Amino acid sequence: MMTGRVIYDVYVNDADMVGTHLRLNRVVNLGDYMENEGKPYTNPLLDLADLLNPEFGQDYEGNQLQIPDQQFANLYWFRYDWFTDPQTMKAFEAKYGYPLGVPLNWAAYEDIAKFFTGRKMKNPDGSEVSAYGHLDYGKPSPSLGWRFTDAWLSIAGVGDKGLPNGLPVDEWGIRVENKSQLALRLKEVVL
């Protein structure tokens, strides 16, 4: 890449590198390319709106520089029987002052994790288990570091500028107001 020599016709790269490619002027605006000189090679049924998060491969002006080829979907499981147990619900609300439910911000996520960690809970078969408030997958490998730096720490707002109010981020973008995600509306207002 640094030499400017063309070695490959196409490459697959992490979106984290798009800024480097852009600064080195080593990236093609795919939107322009697909509409113009690349049109004969572009699948006419390709619609970027069909892709998940095309903005991950865009610059600040919205130019499509990469086409997303995978997503890291995080899936969170919870014990419905524990969250709906009347005694557990009562104990949680007495301790934290709000009802036990799906966390709507990072503080609630932490409260739920703390509440369940070490708590004696029942399994459907009646056996008792010492609960743990949070569990993430992890295989001993370099990717384990990524899970914490790129996934959990960013979800918690680490490194965020605190837009729009300069305060630490405690919302994940999942809070819903007026039937739309608050984070999406804030992004429109701020940007």
N, C-alpha and C. Protein backbone atom coordinates (compact mmCIF):
# COMPACT_ATOMS: atom_id res chain seq x y z
N MET A 1 0.82 -1.18 0.00
CA MET A 1 0.00 0.00 0.00
C MET A 1 0.88 1.26 0.00
N MET A 2 1.94 1.23 0.75
CA MET A 2 2.79 2.42 0.87
C MET A 2 3.53 2.73 -0.44
N THR A 3 3.83 1.70 -1.23
CA THR A 3 4.58 1.92 -2.46
C THR A 3 3.71 2.44 -3.59
N GLY A 4 2.40 2.23 -3.50
CA GLY A 4 1.51 2.64 -4.57
C GLY A 4 1.43 1.62 -5.69
N ARG A 5 2.16 0.51 -5.58
CA ARG A 5 2.09 -0.53 -6.60
C ARG A 5 0.81 -1.33 -6.44
N VAL A 6 0.16 -1.62 -7.55
CA VAL A 6 -1.06 -2.41 -7.52
C VAL A 6 -0.68 -3.88 -7.52
N ILE A 7 -0.98 -4.56 -6.44
CA ILE A 7 -0.67 -5.99 -6.32
C ILE A 7 -1.95 -6.81 -6.41
N TYR A 8 -3.04 -6.27 -5.84
CA TYR A 8 -4.31 -6.99 -5.82
C TYR A 8 -5.37 -6.16 -6.53
N ASP A 9 -6.33 -6.85 -7.13
CA ASP A 9 -7.45 -6.14 -7.75
C ASP A 9 -8.48 -5.73 -6.69
N VAL A 10 -8.67 -6.58 -5.71
CA VAL A 10 -9.64 -6.33 -4.65
C VAL A 10 -9.04 -6.83 -3.34
N TYR A 11 -9.34 -6.17 -2.26
CA TYR A 11 -8.90 -6.67 -0.96
C TYR A 11 -10.04 -6.50 0.05
N VAL A 12 -10.00 -7.35 1.04
CA VAL A 12 -10.95 -7.26 2.15
C VAL A 12 -10.16 -6.77 3.35
N ASN A 13 -10.66 -5.73 3.98
CA ASN A 13 -9.92 -5.11 5.06
C ASN A 13 -10.87 -4.66 6.15
N ASP A 14 -10.37 -4.54 7.34
CA ASP A 14 -11.18 -4.07 8.45
C ASP A 14 -11.51 -2.60 8.25
N ALA A 15 -12.72 -2.22 8.62
CA ALA A 15 -13.16 -0.83 8.47
C ALA A 15 -12.30 0.12 9.31
N ASP A 16 -11.63 -0.39 10.33
CA ASP A 16 -10.74 0.45 11.13
C ASP A 16 -9.62 1.06 10.29
N MET A 17 -9.29 0.43 9.17
CA MET A 17 -8.18 0.89 8.33
C MET A 17 -8.60 1.90 7.28
N VAL A 18 -9.89 2.18 7.14
CA VAL A 18 -10.33 3.05 6.06
C VAL A 18 -9.72 4.45 6.18
N GLY A 19 -9.51 4.93 7.41
CA GLY A 19 -8.89 6.24 7.58
C GLY A 19 -7.47 6.28 7.05
N THR A 20 -6.71 5.21 7.28
CA THR A 20 -5.35 5.12 6.76
C THR A 20 -5.37 5.13 5.24
N HIS A 21 -6.23 4.34 4.67
CA HIS A 21 -6.32 4.28 3.20
C HIS A 21 -6.72 5.64 2.64
N LEU A 22 -7.63 6.30 3.30
CA LEU A 22 -8.09 7.61 2.83
C LEU A 22 -6.96 8.63 2.86
N ARG A 23 -6.22 8.67 3.97
CA ARG A 23 -5.11 9.63 4.09
C ARG A 23 -4.01 9.36 3.07
N LEU A 24 -3.81 8.09 2.71
CA LEU A 24 -2.79 7.75 1.73
C LEU A 24 -3.31 7.82 0.30
N ASN A 25 -4.56 8.25 0.16
CA ASN A 25 -5.20 8.34 -1.16
C ASN A 25 -5.15 6.99 -1.88
N ARG A 26 -5.45 5.92 -1.14
CA ARG A 26 -5.41 4.57 -1.68
C ARG A 26 -6.78 3.89 -1.63
N VAL A 27 -7.82 4.68 -1.77
CA VAL A 27 -9.16 4.13 -1.70
C VAL A 27 -10.00 4.68 -2.85
N VAL A 28 -10.92 3.87 -3.31
CA VAL A 28 -11.82 4.26 -4.40
C VAL A 28 -13.18 4.55 -3.80
N ASN A 29 -13.78 5.65 -4.21
CA ASN A 29 -15.15 5.94 -3.80
C ASN A 29 -16.05 4.96 -4.56
N LEU A 30 -16.50 3.92 -3.86
CA LEU A 30 -17.27 2.86 -4.52
C LEU A 30 -18.60 3.35 -5.05
N GLY A 31 -19.21 4.31 -4.38
CA GLY A 31 -20.47 4.86 -4.88
C GLY A 31 -20.30 5.44 -6.27
N ASP A 32 -19.29 6.29 -6.43
CA ASP A 32 -19.01 6.88 -7.75
C ASP A 32 -18.60 5.80 -8.75
N TYR A 33 -17.75 4.89 -8.32
CA TYR A 33 -17.25 3.83 -9.20
C TYR A 33 -18.40 2.96 -9.72
N MET A 34 -19.30 2.56 -8.83
CA MET A 34 -20.41 1.68 -9.25
C MET A 34 -21.38 2.38 -10.19
N GLU A 35 -21.47 3.71 -10.08
CA GLU A 35 -22.37 4.45 -10.96
C GLU A 35 -21.71 4.80 -12.30
N ASN A 36 -20.39 4.82 -12.36
CA ASN A 36 -19.69 5.27 -13.56
C ASN A 36 -18.85 4.16 -14.18
N GLU A 37 -17.51 4.25 -14.08
CA GLU A 37 -16.66 3.30 -14.80
C GLU A 37 -16.82 1.86 -14.34
N GLY A 38 -17.29 1.64 -13.13
CA GLY A 38 -17.48 0.28 -12.64
C GLY A 38 -18.87 -0.27 -12.89
N LYS A 39 -19.72 0.49 -13.53
CA LYS A 39 -21.10 0.05 -13.74
C LYS A 39 -21.21 -1.29 -14.46
N PRO A 40 -20.39 -1.53 -15.49
CA PRO A 40 -20.49 -2.83 -16.18
C PRO A 40 -20.13 -4.02 -15.28
N TYR A 41 -19.40 -3.77 -14.20
CA TYR A 41 -18.96 -4.85 -13.32
C TYR A 41 -19.79 -4.94 -12.04
N THR A 42 -20.72 -4.03 -11.87
CA THR A 42 -21.52 -3.97 -10.65
C THR A 42 -22.83 -4.71 -10.84
N ASN A 43 -23.15 -5.56 -9.89
CA ASN A 43 -24.41 -6.29 -9.93
C ASN A 43 -25.56 -5.28 -9.93
N PRO A 44 -26.40 -5.29 -10.95
CA PRO A 44 -27.49 -4.31 -11.01
C PRO A 44 -28.51 -4.47 -9.87
N LEU A 45 -28.51 -5.61 -9.22
CA LEU A 45 -29.44 -5.83 -8.11
C LEU A 45 -28.86 -5.41 -6.75
N LEU A 46 -27.59 -4.98 -6.76
CA LEU A 46 -26.95 -4.54 -5.51
C LEU A 46 -27.59 -3.23 -5.06
N ASP A 47 -28.11 -3.24 -3.85
CA ASP A 47 -28.67 -2.03 -3.25
C ASP A 47 -28.02 -1.87 -1.89
N LEU A 48 -27.20 -0.82 -1.74
CA LEU A 48 -26.48 -0.62 -0.49
C LEU A 48 -27.42 -0.49 0.70
N ALA A 49 -28.65 -0.06 0.45
CA ALA A 49 -29.62 0.05 1.54
C ALA A 49 -29.99 -1.31 2.12
N ASP A 50 -29.71 -2.39 1.37
CA ASP A 50 -29.99 -3.74 1.86
C ASP A 50 -28.94 -4.22 2.85
N LEU A 51 -27.80 -3.55 2.92
CA LEU A 51 -26.70 -3.98 3.79
C LEU A 51 -26.89 -3.44 5.20
N LEU A 52 -26.43 -4.20 6.18
CA LEU A 52 -26.43 -3.72 7.55
C LEU A 52 -25.29 -2.74 7.74
N ASN A 53 -25.57 -1.60 8.30
CA ASN A 53 -24.58 -0.60 8.67
C ASN A 53 -23.62 -0.22 7.55
N PRO A 54 -24.11 0.20 6.39
CA PRO A 54 -23.18 0.62 5.33
C PRO A 54 -22.31 1.80 5.76
N GLU A 55 -22.77 2.56 6.77
CA GLU A 55 -22.00 3.72 7.23
C GLU A 55 -20.66 3.33 7.83
N PHE A 56 -20.48 2.06 8.22
CA PHE A 56 -19.20 1.62 8.75
C PHE A 56 -18.10 1.70 7.69
N GLY A 57 -18.48 1.73 6.43
CA GLY A 57 -17.50 1.83 5.35
C GLY A 57 -17.56 3.15 4.62
N GLN A 58 -18.06 4.19 5.30
CA GLN A 58 -18.19 5.50 4.68
C GLN A 58 -17.27 6.51 5.33
N ASP A 59 -16.95 7.57 4.56
CA ASP A 59 -16.22 8.68 5.15
C ASP A 59 -17.23 9.66 5.75
N TYR A 60 -16.74 10.79 6.26
CA TYR A 60 -17.63 11.74 6.94
C TYR A 60 -18.65 12.38 5.99
N GLU A 61 -18.37 12.37 4.72
CA GLU A 61 -19.31 12.94 3.75
C GLU A 61 -20.32 11.90 3.26
N GLY A 62 -20.22 10.67 3.74
CA GLY A 62 -21.17 9.63 3.34
C GLY A 62 -20.77 8.89 2.08
N ASN A 63 -19.54 9.10 1.59
CA ASN A 63 -19.07 8.36 0.42
C ASN A 63 -18.79 6.91 0.82
N GLN A 64 -19.27 5.98 0.02
CA GLN A 64 -19.09 4.56 0.33
C GLN A 64 -17.69 4.13 -0.12
N LEU A 65 -16.81 3.87 0.84
CA LEU A 65 -15.43 3.49 0.54
C LEU A 65 -15.21 2.00 0.70
N GLN A 66 -16.05 1.35 1.46
CA GLN A 66 -15.99 -0.09 1.65
C GLN A 66 -17.42 -0.63 1.70
N ILE A 67 -17.57 -1.89 1.34
CA ILE A 67 -18.86 -2.55 1.47
C ILE A 67 -18.74 -3.52 2.63
N PRO A 68 -19.57 -3.35 3.64
CA PRO A 68 -19.49 -4.26 4.79
C PRO A 68 -19.71 -5.71 4.37
N ASP A 69 -18.84 -6.60 4.86
CA ASP A 69 -18.98 -8.02 4.48
C ASP A 69 -19.33 -8.89 5.67
N GLN A 70 -19.34 -8.33 6.86
CA GLN A 70 -19.72 -9.10 8.04
C GLN A 70 -20.13 -8.13 9.13
N GLN A 71 -20.79 -8.64 10.13
CA GLN A 71 -21.20 -7.83 11.27
C GLN A 71 -20.86 -8.59 12.54
N PHE A 72 -20.63 -7.86 13.59
CA PHE A 72 -20.42 -8.46 14.90
C PHE A 72 -21.69 -8.24 15.72
N ALA A 73 -22.60 -9.13 15.57
CA ALA A 73 -23.86 -9.01 16.32
C ALA A 73 -23.65 -9.52 17.74
N ASN A 74 -23.98 -8.69 18.69
CA ASN A 74 -23.92 -9.12 20.09
C ASN A 74 -25.30 -9.57 20.51
N LEU A 75 -25.36 -10.71 21.09
CA LEU A 75 -26.62 -11.28 21.54
C LEU A 75 -26.56 -11.44 23.04
N TYR A 76 -27.55 -10.93 23.70
CA TYR A 76 -27.58 -11.01 25.15
C TYR A 76 -28.71 -11.93 25.59
N TRP A 77 -28.36 -12.93 26.39
CA TRP A 77 -29.33 -13.87 26.94
C TRP A 77 -29.60 -13.47 28.37
N PHE A 78 -30.82 -13.71 28.80
CA PHE A 78 -31.10 -13.52 30.22
C PHE A 78 -32.09 -14.59 30.66
N ARG A 79 -32.14 -14.81 31.94
CA ARG A 79 -33.02 -15.82 32.50
C ARG A 79 -34.39 -15.18 32.76
N TYR A 80 -35.31 -15.42 31.85
CA TYR A 80 -36.66 -14.86 31.96
C TYR A 80 -37.30 -15.27 33.28
N ASP A 81 -37.08 -16.52 33.67
CA ASP A 81 -37.68 -17.00 34.92
C ASP A 81 -37.15 -16.21 36.12
N TRP A 82 -35.89 -15.79 36.07
CA TRP A 82 -35.34 -15.00 37.17
C TRP A 82 -35.87 -13.57 37.12
N PHE A 83 -35.95 -13.00 35.92
CA PHE A 83 -36.39 -11.61 35.79
C PHE A 83 -37.88 -11.44 36.10
N THR A 84 -38.65 -12.51 36.03
CA THR A 84 -40.08 -12.42 36.30
C THR A 84 -40.48 -13.05 37.64
N ASP A 85 -39.50 -13.53 38.39
CA ASP A 85 -39.78 -14.10 39.70
C ASP A 85 -40.20 -12.97 40.65
N PRO A 86 -41.40 -13.05 41.24
CA PRO A 86 -41.90 -11.95 42.08
C PRO A 86 -40.96 -11.57 43.23
N GLN A 87 -40.35 -12.54 43.89
CA GLN A 87 -39.44 -12.24 45.00
C GLN A 87 -38.19 -11.52 44.51
N THR A 88 -37.66 -11.98 43.38
CA THR A 88 -36.46 -11.36 42.80
C THR A 88 -36.78 -9.93 42.35
N MET A 89 -37.92 -9.76 41.70
CA MET A 89 -38.33 -8.43 41.24
C MET A 89 -38.47 -7.47 42.43
N LYS A 90 -39.09 -7.94 43.49
CA LYS A 90 -39.30 -7.11 44.68
C LYS A 90 -37.96 -6.73 45.32
N ALA A 91 -37.06 -7.69 45.44
CA ALA A 91 -35.74 -7.43 46.04
C ALA A 91 -34.94 -6.43 45.20
N PHE A 92 -35.01 -6.57 43.88
CA PHE A 92 -34.27 -5.66 43.00
C PHE A 92 -34.81 -4.24 43.15
N GLU A 93 -36.12 -4.09 43.08
CA GLU A 93 -36.70 -2.75 43.17
C GLU A 93 -36.44 -2.11 44.53
N ALA A 94 -36.47 -2.92 45.59
CA ALA A 94 -36.17 -2.39 46.92
C ALA A 94 -34.73 -1.88 47.00
N LYS A 95 -33.82 -2.57 46.34
CA LYS A 95 -32.41 -2.19 46.40
C LYS A 95 -32.08 -1.01 45.48
N TYR A 96 -32.63 -0.99 44.25
CA TYR A 96 -32.22 0.01 43.25
C TYR A 96 -33.27 1.08 42.97
N GLY A 97 -34.49 0.88 43.45
CA GLY A 97 -35.50 1.93 43.29
C GLY A 97 -36.21 1.97 41.96
N TYR A 98 -36.00 0.98 41.13
CA TYR A 98 -36.72 0.89 39.86
C TYR A 98 -36.94 -0.58 39.54
N PRO A 99 -37.91 -0.88 38.67
CA PRO A 99 -38.24 -2.29 38.40
C PRO A 99 -37.14 -3.03 37.64
N LEU A 100 -37.01 -4.30 37.94
CA LEU A 100 -36.08 -5.17 37.21
C LEU A 100 -36.62 -5.39 35.81
N GLY A 101 -35.78 -5.22 34.82
CA GLY A 101 -36.19 -5.41 33.43
C GLY A 101 -35.00 -5.31 32.51
N VAL A 102 -35.25 -5.25 31.23
CA VAL A 102 -34.18 -5.10 30.24
C VAL A 102 -33.49 -3.77 30.50
N PRO A 103 -32.16 -3.75 30.62
CA PRO A 103 -31.47 -2.49 30.94
C PRO A 103 -31.62 -1.49 29.80
N LEU A 104 -31.90 -0.24 30.18
CA LEU A 104 -32.06 0.81 29.19
C LEU A 104 -30.85 1.72 29.12
N ASN A 105 -29.88 1.52 29.99
CA ASN A 105 -28.64 2.29 29.93
C ASN A 105 -27.55 1.49 30.65
N TRP A 106 -26.33 2.00 30.59
CA TRP A 106 -25.20 1.25 31.14
C TRP A 106 -25.32 1.10 32.65
N ALA A 107 -25.81 2.13 33.33
CA ALA A 107 -25.94 2.06 34.79
C ALA A 107 -26.88 0.92 35.18
N ALA A 108 -27.98 0.76 34.46
CA ALA A 108 -28.92 -0.32 34.76
C ALA A 108 -28.27 -1.68 34.48
N TYR A 109 -27.47 -1.76 33.42
CA TYR A 109 -26.76 -3.01 33.11
C TYR A 109 -25.85 -3.40 34.28
N GLU A 110 -25.12 -2.40 34.81
CA GLU A 110 -24.24 -2.67 35.94
C GLU A 110 -25.03 -3.06 37.18
N ASP A 111 -26.14 -2.37 37.43
CA ASP A 111 -26.98 -2.70 38.59
C ASP A 111 -27.44 -4.15 38.53
N ILE A 112 -27.91 -4.57 37.37
CA ILE A 112 -28.42 -5.94 37.20
C ILE A 112 -27.30 -6.95 37.41
N ALA A 113 -26.12 -6.66 36.84
CA ALA A 113 -24.99 -7.57 37.00
C ALA A 113 -24.60 -7.70 38.48
N LYS A 114 -24.53 -6.56 39.17
CA LYS A 114 -24.18 -6.58 40.60
C LYS A 114 -25.24 -7.33 41.40
N PHE A 115 -26.50 -7.09 41.08
CA PHE A 115 -27.60 -7.70 41.82
C PHE A 115 -27.55 -9.22 41.75
N PHE A 116 -27.31 -9.75 40.56
CA PHE A 116 -27.36 -11.20 40.41
C PHE A 116 -26.06 -11.90 40.81
N THR A 117 -24.92 -11.21 40.76
CA THR A 117 -23.65 -11.85 41.07
C THR A 117 -23.62 -12.38 42.51
N GLY A 118 -23.41 -13.69 42.63
CA GLY A 118 -23.34 -14.34 43.93
C GLY A 118 -24.68 -14.66 44.55
N ARG A 119 -25.76 -14.25 43.91
CA ARG A 119 -27.11 -14.48 44.44
C ARG A 119 -27.51 -15.94 44.23
N LYS A 120 -28.12 -16.54 45.22
CA LYS A 120 -28.62 -17.92 45.10
C LYS A 120 -29.94 -17.89 44.35
N MET A 121 -29.98 -18.58 43.21
CA MET A 121 -31.18 -18.61 42.36
C MET A 121 -31.55 -20.06 42.09
N LYS A 122 -32.78 -20.26 41.68
CA LYS A 122 -33.29 -21.61 41.39
C LYS A 122 -33.33 -21.84 39.89
N ASN A 123 -32.97 -23.05 39.49
CA ASN A 123 -33.14 -23.51 38.12
C ASN A 123 -34.55 -24.10 37.99
N PRO A 124 -35.03 -24.26 36.76
CA PRO A 124 -36.37 -24.84 36.57
C PRO A 124 -36.55 -26.21 37.22
N ASP A 125 -35.46 -26.97 37.36
CA ASP A 125 -35.58 -28.30 37.98
C ASP A 125 -35.54 -28.23 39.51
N GLY A 126 -35.47 -27.01 40.06
CA GLY A 126 -35.46 -26.85 41.51
C GLY A 126 -34.08 -26.77 42.12
N SER A 127 -33.05 -27.11 41.36
CA SER A 127 -31.69 -27.04 41.90
C SER A 127 -31.28 -25.58 42.08
N GLU A 128 -30.38 -25.36 43.03
CA GLU A 128 -29.93 -24.01 43.33
C GLU A 128 -28.60 -23.74 42.64
N VAL A 129 -28.42 -22.52 42.22
CA VAL A 129 -27.18 -22.12 41.56
C VAL A 129 -26.76 -20.76 42.10
N SER A 130 -25.46 -20.55 42.18
CA SER A 130 -24.94 -19.24 42.54
C SER A 130 -24.82 -18.46 41.23
N ALA A 131 -25.63 -17.43 41.09
CA ALA A 131 -25.72 -16.70 39.82
C ALA A 131 -24.50 -15.82 39.60
N TYR A 132 -24.26 -15.50 38.36
CA TYR A 132 -23.22 -14.56 37.98
C TYR A 132 -23.89 -13.52 37.10
N GLY A 133 -23.67 -12.25 37.39
CA GLY A 133 -24.41 -11.18 36.75
C GLY A 133 -24.10 -10.89 35.30
N HIS A 134 -22.94 -11.30 34.83
CA HIS A 134 -22.60 -11.05 33.43
C HIS A 134 -21.63 -12.13 32.98
N LEU A 135 -21.84 -12.61 31.79
CA LEU A 135 -20.93 -13.59 31.20
C LEU A 135 -20.79 -13.27 29.73
N ASP A 136 -19.58 -13.21 29.26
CA ASP A 136 -19.32 -12.97 27.85
C ASP A 136 -18.50 -14.14 27.34
N TYR A 137 -18.58 -14.38 26.05
CA TYR A 137 -17.77 -15.47 25.51
C TYR A 137 -16.32 -15.02 25.40
N GLY A 138 -15.43 -15.95 25.39
CA GLY A 138 -14.04 -15.60 25.22
C GLY A 138 -13.18 -16.83 25.09
N LYS A 139 -12.35 -16.85 24.09
CA LYS A 139 -11.39 -17.92 23.90
C LYS A 139 -10.02 -17.29 24.08
N PRO A 140 -9.12 -17.95 24.82
CA PRO A 140 -7.80 -17.35 24.99
C PRO A 140 -7.15 -17.08 23.63
N SER A 141 -7.17 -15.83 23.23
CA SER A 141 -6.60 -15.43 21.95
C SER A 141 -6.54 -13.90 21.93
N PRO A 142 -5.88 -13.32 20.92
CA PRO A 142 -5.85 -11.86 20.84
C PRO A 142 -7.24 -11.24 20.73
N SER A 143 -8.21 -12.00 20.22
CA SER A 143 -9.55 -11.43 20.08
C SER A 143 -10.20 -11.14 21.42
N LEU A 144 -9.72 -11.76 22.48
CA LEU A 144 -10.28 -11.50 23.80
C LEU A 144 -10.05 -10.03 24.19
N GLY A 145 -8.89 -9.50 23.83
CA GLY A 145 -8.63 -8.09 24.08
C GLY A 145 -9.58 -7.20 23.31
N TRP A 146 -9.87 -7.57 22.08
CA TRP A 146 -10.81 -6.81 21.27
C TRP A 146 -12.18 -6.76 21.93
N ARG A 147 -12.60 -7.88 22.49
CA ARG A 147 -13.92 -7.92 23.12
C ARG A 147 -14.05 -6.83 24.17
N PHE A 148 -12.98 -6.59 24.92
CA PHE A 148 -13.08 -5.59 25.98
C PHE A 148 -12.85 -4.19 25.45
N THR A 149 -11.83 -3.99 24.61
CA THR A 149 -11.55 -2.63 24.16
C THR A 149 -12.58 -2.12 23.17
N ASP A 150 -12.91 -2.89 22.15
CA ASP A 150 -13.83 -2.42 21.13
C ASP A 150 -15.28 -2.66 21.48
N ALA A 151 -15.57 -3.70 22.23
CA ALA A 151 -16.97 -4.01 22.51
C ALA A 151 -17.41 -3.44 23.85
N TRP A 152 -16.95 -4.02 24.96
CA TRP A 152 -17.49 -3.61 26.26
C TRP A 152 -17.11 -2.20 26.65
N LEU A 153 -15.86 -1.80 26.47
CA LEU A 153 -15.50 -0.45 26.88
C LEU A 153 -16.19 0.60 26.02
N SER A 154 -16.35 0.33 24.73
CA SER A 154 -17.04 1.32 23.89
C SER A 154 -18.52 1.37 24.21
N ILE A 155 -19.12 0.24 24.54
CA ILE A 155 -20.53 0.25 24.94
C ILE A 155 -20.70 1.09 26.20
N ALA A 156 -19.71 1.06 27.06
CA ALA A 156 -19.77 1.83 28.30
C ALA A 156 -19.44 3.30 28.09
N GLY A 157 -19.09 3.71 26.88
CA GLY A 157 -18.83 5.11 26.60
C GLY A 157 -17.38 5.53 26.73
N VAL A 158 -16.46 4.59 26.92
CA VAL A 158 -15.05 4.94 27.06
C VAL A 158 -14.56 5.59 25.76
N GLY A 159 -13.88 6.70 25.89
CA GLY A 159 -13.33 7.38 24.73
C GLY A 159 -14.33 8.25 23.99
N ASP A 160 -15.56 8.32 24.47
CA ASP A 160 -16.58 9.13 23.80
C ASP A 160 -16.41 10.59 24.19
N LYS A 161 -16.72 11.49 23.28
CA LYS A 161 -16.59 12.91 23.54
C LYS A 161 -17.70 13.43 24.46
N GLY A 162 -18.71 12.62 24.68
CA GLY A 162 -19.80 13.06 25.53
C GLY A 162 -20.78 13.96 24.81
N LEU A 163 -20.92 13.78 23.50
CA LEU A 163 -21.88 14.59 22.76
C LEU A 163 -23.29 14.18 23.17
N PRO A 164 -24.21 15.05 23.24
CA PRO A 164 -24.14 16.47 22.91
C PRO A 164 -23.83 17.36 24.10
N ASN A 165 -23.73 16.82 25.32
CA ASN A 165 -23.66 17.68 26.50
C ASN A 165 -22.33 17.63 27.25
N GLY A 166 -21.34 16.91 26.75
CA GLY A 166 -20.04 16.85 27.41
C GLY A 166 -19.97 15.95 28.61
N LEU A 167 -21.07 15.30 28.95
CA LEU A 167 -21.09 14.39 30.10
C LEU A 167 -20.74 12.98 29.65
N PRO A 168 -20.26 12.14 30.56
CA PRO A 168 -19.97 10.75 30.17
C PRO A 168 -21.21 10.07 29.60
N VAL A 169 -20.99 9.23 28.64
CA VAL A 169 -22.10 8.55 27.98
C VAL A 169 -22.63 7.45 28.89
N ASP A 170 -23.94 7.45 29.09
CA ASP A 170 -24.55 6.35 29.83
C ASP A 170 -25.70 5.74 29.04
N GLU A 171 -25.82 6.14 27.81
CA GLU A 171 -26.85 5.57 26.94
C GLU A 171 -26.15 4.78 25.84
N TRP A 172 -26.71 3.67 25.45
CA TRP A 172 -26.10 2.84 24.41
C TRP A 172 -26.69 3.11 23.05
N GLY A 173 -27.65 4.03 22.96
CA GLY A 173 -28.34 4.20 21.69
C GLY A 173 -29.55 3.32 21.59
N ILE A 174 -29.89 2.64 22.68
CA ILE A 174 -31.06 1.77 22.61
C ILE A 174 -32.27 2.41 23.28
N ARG A 175 -32.08 3.54 23.93
CA ARG A 175 -33.21 4.18 24.59
C ARG A 175 -34.18 4.67 23.53
N VAL A 176 -35.42 4.39 23.73
CA VAL A 176 -36.44 4.76 22.75
C VAL A 176 -37.33 5.85 23.32
N GLU A 177 -37.52 6.91 22.56
CA GLU A 177 -38.46 7.96 22.91
C GLU A 177 -39.26 8.28 21.65
N ASN A 178 -40.54 8.42 21.80
CA ASN A 178 -41.42 8.72 20.68
C ASN A 178 -41.24 7.75 19.52
N LYS A 179 -41.10 6.47 19.86
CA LYS A 179 -41.03 5.37 18.90
C LYS A 179 -39.81 5.42 17.99
N SER A 180 -38.76 6.14 18.38
CA SER A 180 -37.53 6.11 17.59
C SER A 180 -36.34 6.13 18.55
N GLN A 181 -35.21 5.66 18.05
CA GLN A 181 -34.02 5.61 18.90
C GLN A 181 -33.50 7.01 19.15
N LEU A 182 -33.34 7.33 20.41
CA LEU A 182 -32.86 8.64 20.80
C LEU A 182 -31.49 8.94 20.19
N ALA A 183 -30.61 7.95 20.18
CA ALA A 183 -29.25 8.17 19.67
C ALA A 183 -29.27 8.59 18.20
N LEU A 184 -30.16 8.03 17.40
CA LEU A 184 -30.23 8.41 15.99
C LEU A 184 -30.68 9.86 15.86
N ARG A 185 -31.63 10.28 16.68
CA ARG A 185 -32.09 11.67 16.62
C ARG A 185 -31.00 12.62 17.09
N LEU A 186 -30.26 12.23 18.15
CA LEU A 186 -29.17 13.08 18.63
C LEU A 186 -28.10 13.23 17.57
N LYS A 187 -27.81 12.14 16.86
CA LYS A 187 -26.80 12.18 15.80
C LYS A 187 -27.20 13.20 14.74
N GLU A 188 -28.49 13.22 14.38
CA GLU A 188 -28.96 14.18 13.38
C GLU A 188 -28.81 15.61 13.89
N VAL A 189 -29.11 15.84 15.17
CA VAL A 189 -29.04 17.17 15.75
C VAL A 189 -27.59 17.63 15.85
N VAL A 190 -26.70 16.76 16.33
CA VAL A 190 -25.31 17.11 16.55
C VAL A 190 -24.55 17.28 15.25
N LEU A 191 -24.77 16.36 14.32
CA LEU A 191 -24.03 16.41 13.07
C LEU A 191 -24.74 17.31 12.10
